[in-house]
């Protein structure tokens, strides 16, 4: 939630507080469609803000995990197999798949290359084992590629959740402000002559200006 959205949310909170505190004075207005809309919007906003914050935090953690997994995939699995293949498997038809350059810059491409390497390495598992590699070296490579791929997919899902939450905040704010306008129309009609009450309502329903913004007050009309 950005600063502008927070200020709108604050105004909705004030409107809810004002209408709840003046329930008896407002009468039917306190349970009107506008009030219901404001209450529902605030509930939805709280949920979306929580989802958005959770997504941001999880994405940050997943990014760190993704980088660590990519580094491990290259340094602990692909790199050693590639070095061995260059030394021991020169001339084999699938040498390119075993020795192709890899980079952490594109995790999805890295996963694809790791899987291609695993397929090629499976054809030379006996040579790898004879050369000192663990008997499950190919399985380890495949598992590391799968783990990175799972993290990539989790990040995609979490990014979608963040977008959904961000959109939900914006839409709920619109609904909330619409409810405020509906309430304002009823309050203006019912309390036309009660300047004190109207002043309280205006203060509660106003969206405060961004800090540092100078409000321009229209000059009073000449007498």
Protein backbone atom coordinates (compact mmCIF):
# COMPACT_ATOMS: atom_id res chain seq x y z
CA UNK A 1 0.00 0.00 0.00
CA UNK A 2 1.40 3.38 -0.98
CA UNK A 3 1.08 6.68 0.84
CA UNK A 4 -1.93 7.93 -1.10
CA UNK A 5 -3.77 4.66 -0.49
CA UNK A 6 -2.95 4.80 3.20
CA UNK A 7 -4.41 8.29 3.48
CA UNK A 8 -7.63 7.12 1.82
CA UNK A 9 -7.74 4.14 4.16
CA UNK A 10 -7.26 6.45 7.13
CA UNK A 11 -10.23 8.53 5.97
CA UNK A 12 -12.37 5.39 5.71
CA UNK A 13 -11.34 4.45 9.24
CA UNK A 14 -12.40 7.89 10.45
CA UNK A 15 -15.72 7.63 8.64
CA UNK A 16 -16.35 4.26 10.24
CA UNK A 17 -15.47 5.65 13.65
CA UNK A 18 -17.62 8.75 13.18
CA UNK A 19 -20.69 6.82 12.06
CA UNK A 20 -20.29 4.24 14.82
CA UNK A 21 -19.88 6.92 17.47
CA UNK A 22 -22.94 8.81 16.19
CA UNK A 23 -25.14 5.81 15.49
CA UNK A 24 -28.08 7.09 17.53
CA UNK A 25 -27.92 10.56 16.00
CA UNK A 26 -27.64 9.22 12.47
CA UNK A 27 -30.51 6.77 12.86
CA UNK A 28 -31.14 4.79 9.69
CA UNK A 29 -28.09 6.34 8.02
CA UNK A 30 -25.87 4.32 10.38
CA UNK A 31 -27.09 1.11 8.73
CA UNK A 32 -27.51 2.43 5.19
CA UNK A 33 -25.95 0.91 2.08
CA UNK A 34 -23.17 3.49 2.15
CA UNK A 35 -22.15 2.54 5.70
CA UNK A 36 -22.26 -1.15 4.85
CA UNK A 37 -20.10 -0.46 1.82
CA UNK A 38 -17.49 1.41 3.87
CA UNK A 39 -17.34 -1.38 6.47
CA UNK A 40 -16.99 -4.07 3.80
CA UNK A 41 -14.30 -2.09 2.00
CA UNK A 42 -12.23 -1.74 5.17
CA UNK A 43 -12.48 -5.46 5.85
CA UNK A 44 -11.39 -6.25 2.29
CA UNK A 45 -8.55 -3.74 2.43
CA UNK A 46 -7.18 -5.30 5.61
CA UNK A 47 -7.17 -8.72 3.96
CA UNK A 48 -5.52 -7.46 0.77
CA UNK A 49 -2.87 -5.50 2.68
CA UNK A 50 -2.00 -8.61 4.67
CA UNK A 51 -1.80 -10.70 1.48
CA UNK A 52 0.31 -8.05 -0.24
CA UNK A 53 2.73 -7.78 2.68
CA UNK A 54 3.02 -11.55 2.96
CA UNK A 55 3.74 -11.86 -0.75
CA UNK A 56 6.45 -9.20 -0.63
CA UNK A 57 8.19 -10.87 2.31
CA UNK A 58 7.92 -14.37 0.85
CA UNK A 59 9.18 -13.19 -2.54
CA UNK A 60 12.25 -11.67 -0.92
CA UNK A 61 12.99 -14.94 0.86
CA UNK A 62 12.36 -16.99 -2.26
CA UNK A 63 14.69 -14.78 -4.28
CA UNK A 64 17.52 -15.44 -1.85
CA UNK A 65 16.70 -19.15 -1.92
CA UNK A 66 16.59 -19.16 -5.72
CA UNK A 67 20.04 -17.59 -5.97
CA UNK A 68 21.47 -20.06 -3.47
CA UNK A 69 19.94 -23.01 -5.33
CA UNK A 70 21.22 -21.74 -8.69
CA UNK A 71 24.72 -21.30 -7.30
CA UNK A 72 24.65 -24.78 -5.77
CA UNK A 73 23.36 -26.30 -9.01
CA UNK A 74 26.27 -24.82 -10.95
CA UNK A 75 29.09 -25.22 -8.44
CA UNK A 76 28.18 -28.56 -6.84
CA UNK A 77 26.69 -30.42 -9.79
CA UNK A 78 26.95 -28.96 -13.30
CA UNK A 79 30.44 -27.46 -12.97
CA UNK A 80 32.18 -30.63 -11.77
CA UNK A 81 30.45 -32.81 -14.38
CA UNK A 82 31.36 -30.35 -17.16
CA UNK A 83 35.03 -30.30 -16.11
CA UNK A 84 35.13 -34.07 -15.99
CA UNK A 85 33.46 -34.37 -19.40
CA UNK A 86 35.98 -32.03 -21.02
CA UNK A 87 38.81 -34.13 -19.65
CA UNK A 88 37.43 -37.65 -20.00
CA UNK A 89 34.60 -37.59 -22.52
CA UNK A 90 36.08 -35.67 -25.41
CA UNK A 91 34.55 -36.70 -28.70
CA UNK A 92 31.29 -38.18 -27.39
CA UNK A 93 28.19 -37.11 -29.40
CA UNK A 94 26.49 -35.44 -26.44
CA UNK A 95 29.55 -33.55 -25.20
CA UNK A 96 27.84 -30.19 -25.86
CA UNK A 97 25.04 -31.00 -23.44
CA UNK A 98 27.65 -31.94 -20.85
CA UNK A 99 29.83 -28.86 -21.26
CA UNK A 100 27.57 -26.01 -22.44
CA UNK A 101 28.26 -22.73 -20.60
CA UNK A 102 25.77 -21.93 -17.87
CA UNK A 103 24.76 -18.74 -16.10
CA UNK A 104 22.72 -17.81 -13.05
CA UNK A 105 21.23 -14.84 -14.94
CA UNK A 106 18.36 -16.91 -16.34
CA UNK A 107 17.21 -19.50 -13.78
CA UNK A 108 14.69 -21.10 -16.18
CA UNK A 109 17.36 -21.57 -18.85
CA UNK A 110 19.68 -22.94 -16.17
CA UNK A 111 17.10 -25.54 -15.19
CA UNK A 112 16.65 -26.63 -18.80
CA UNK A 113 20.41 -26.97 -19.30
CA UNK A 114 20.76 -28.90 -16.06
CA UNK A 115 18.10 -31.37 -17.19
CA UNK A 116 19.76 -31.75 -20.59
CA UNK A 117 23.06 -32.39 -18.80
CA UNK A 118 21.41 -34.98 -16.56
CA UNK A 119 20.01 -36.80 -19.59
CA UNK A 120 23.41 -36.81 -21.29
CA UNK A 121 25.29 -37.71 -18.11
CA UNK A 122 23.01 -40.70 -17.53
CA UNK A 123 24.53 -42.23 -20.68
CA UNK A 124 27.96 -42.02 -19.06
CA UNK A 125 27.07 -42.80 -15.46
CA UNK A 126 29.51 -45.69 -15.32
CA UNK A 127 32.37 -43.48 -16.48
CA UNK A 128 31.48 -40.83 -13.92
CA UNK A 129 31.33 -43.43 -11.15
CA UNK A 130 34.64 -44.95 -12.25
CA UNK A 131 36.13 -41.46 -12.19
CA UNK A 132 35.15 -40.98 -8.54
CA UNK A 133 31.70 -39.36 -8.75
CA UNK A 134 29.00 -40.64 -6.39
CA UNK A 135 26.86 -43.38 -7.88
CA UNK A 136 23.85 -41.06 -7.62
CA UNK A 137 25.59 -38.01 -9.12
CA UNK A 138 23.08 -37.81 -11.97
CA UNK A 139 20.16 -38.17 -9.57
CA UNK A 140 21.63 -35.40 -7.40
CA UNK A 141 21.89 -33.14 -10.47
CA UNK A 142 18.27 -33.82 -11.41
CA UNK A 143 17.06 -33.23 -7.86
CA UNK A 144 18.91 -29.91 -7.67
CA UNK A 145 17.36 -28.82 -10.97
CA UNK A 146 13.90 -29.84 -9.77
CA UNK A 147 14.35 -27.91 -6.52
CA UNK A 148 15.31 -24.75 -8.39
CA UNK A 149 12.39 -25.20 -10.78
CA UNK A 150 9.99 -25.57 -7.83
CA UNK A 151 11.23 -22.31 -6.33
CA UNK A 152 10.83 -20.52 -9.67
CA UNK A 153 7.23 -21.73 -9.88
CA UNK A 154 6.55 -20.71 -6.28
CA UNK A 155 7.82 -17.21 -7.05
CA UNK A 156 5.50 -17.02 -10.06
CA UNK A 157 2.55 -17.98 -7.85
CA UNK A 158 3.52 -15.48 -5.17
CA UNK A 159 3.94 -12.68 -7.73
CA UNK A 160 0.40 -13.40 -8.90
CA UNK A 161 -0.81 -13.17 -5.31
CA UNK A 162 0.94 -9.83 -4.90
CA UNK A 163 -0.68 -8.47 -8.07
CA UNK A 164 -4.08 -9.73 -6.97
CA UNK A 165 -3.69 -8.11 -3.56
CA UNK A 166 -2.47 -4.82 -5.03
CA UNK A 167 -5.41 -4.70 -7.43
CA UNK A 168 -7.77 -5.63 -4.61
CA UNK A 169 -6.56 -2.73 -2.49
CA UNK A 170 -7.18 -0.24 -5.29
CA UNK A 171 -10.65 -1.62 -6.05
CA UNK A 172 -11.67 -1.74 -2.39
CA UNK A 173 -10.57 1.86 -1.89
CA UNK A 174 -12.80 2.92 -4.77
CA UNK A 175 -15.73 1.05 -3.27
CA UNK A 176 -15.04 2.59 0.12
CA UNK A 177 -14.91 6.13 -1.22
CA UNK A 178 -18.13 5.52 -3.13
CA UNK A 179 -19.73 4.50 0.16
CA UNK A 180 -18.46 7.71 1.77
CA UNK A 181 -20.10 9.76 -0.96
CA UNK A 182 -23.35 7.89 -0.46
CA UNK A 183 -23.20 8.60 3.27
CA UNK A 184 -22.29 12.22 2.63
CA UNK A 185 -25.36 12.75 0.49
CA UNK A 186 -27.64 11.45 3.24
CA UNK A 187 -25.87 13.37 5.99
CA UNK A 188 -25.97 16.62 4.01
CA UNK A 189 -29.71 16.20 3.53
CA UNK A 190 -30.56 15.26 7.10
CA UNK A 191 -28.23 17.71 8.89
CA UNK A 192 -28.40 20.72 6.59
CA UNK A 193 -28.84 23.18 9.47
CA UNK A 194 -26.48 21.47 11.93
CA UNK A 195 -23.19 23.13 11.01
CA UNK A 196 -21.34 21.59 13.95
CA UNK A 197 -22.30 18.04 12.99
CA UNK A 198 -21.50 18.68 9.35
CA UNK A 199 -18.08 20.06 10.31
CA UNK A 200 -17.36 16.85 12.20
CA UNK A 201 -18.43 14.77 9.23
CA UNK A 202 -16.33 16.82 6.83
CA UNK A 203 -13.28 16.38 9.04
CA UNK A 204 -13.83 12.63 9.32
CA UNK A 205 -14.49 12.01 5.63
CA UNK A 206 -11.75 14.24 4.20
CA UNK A 207 -8.74 12.53 2.65
CA UNK A 208 -5.80 14.38 4.13
CA UNK A 209 -3.35 15.96 1.73
CA UNK A 210 0.07 14.45 1.20
CA UNK A 211 2.56 15.85 3.74
CA UNK A 212 4.13 18.98 2.33
CA UNK A 213 1.16 19.73 0.09
CA UNK A 214 -0.25 23.22 0.50
CA UNK A 215 -4.03 23.39 0.39
CA UNK A 216 -5.35 26.27 -1.66
CA UNK A 217 -8.31 27.89 0.04
CA UNK A 218 -10.72 29.71 -2.24
CA UNK A 219 -11.10 33.40 -1.35
CA UNK A 220 -14.33 34.40 0.35
CA UNK A 221 -16.95 35.88 -1.93
CA UNK A 222 -17.26 39.69 -1.61
CA UNK A 223 -20.09 40.88 0.62
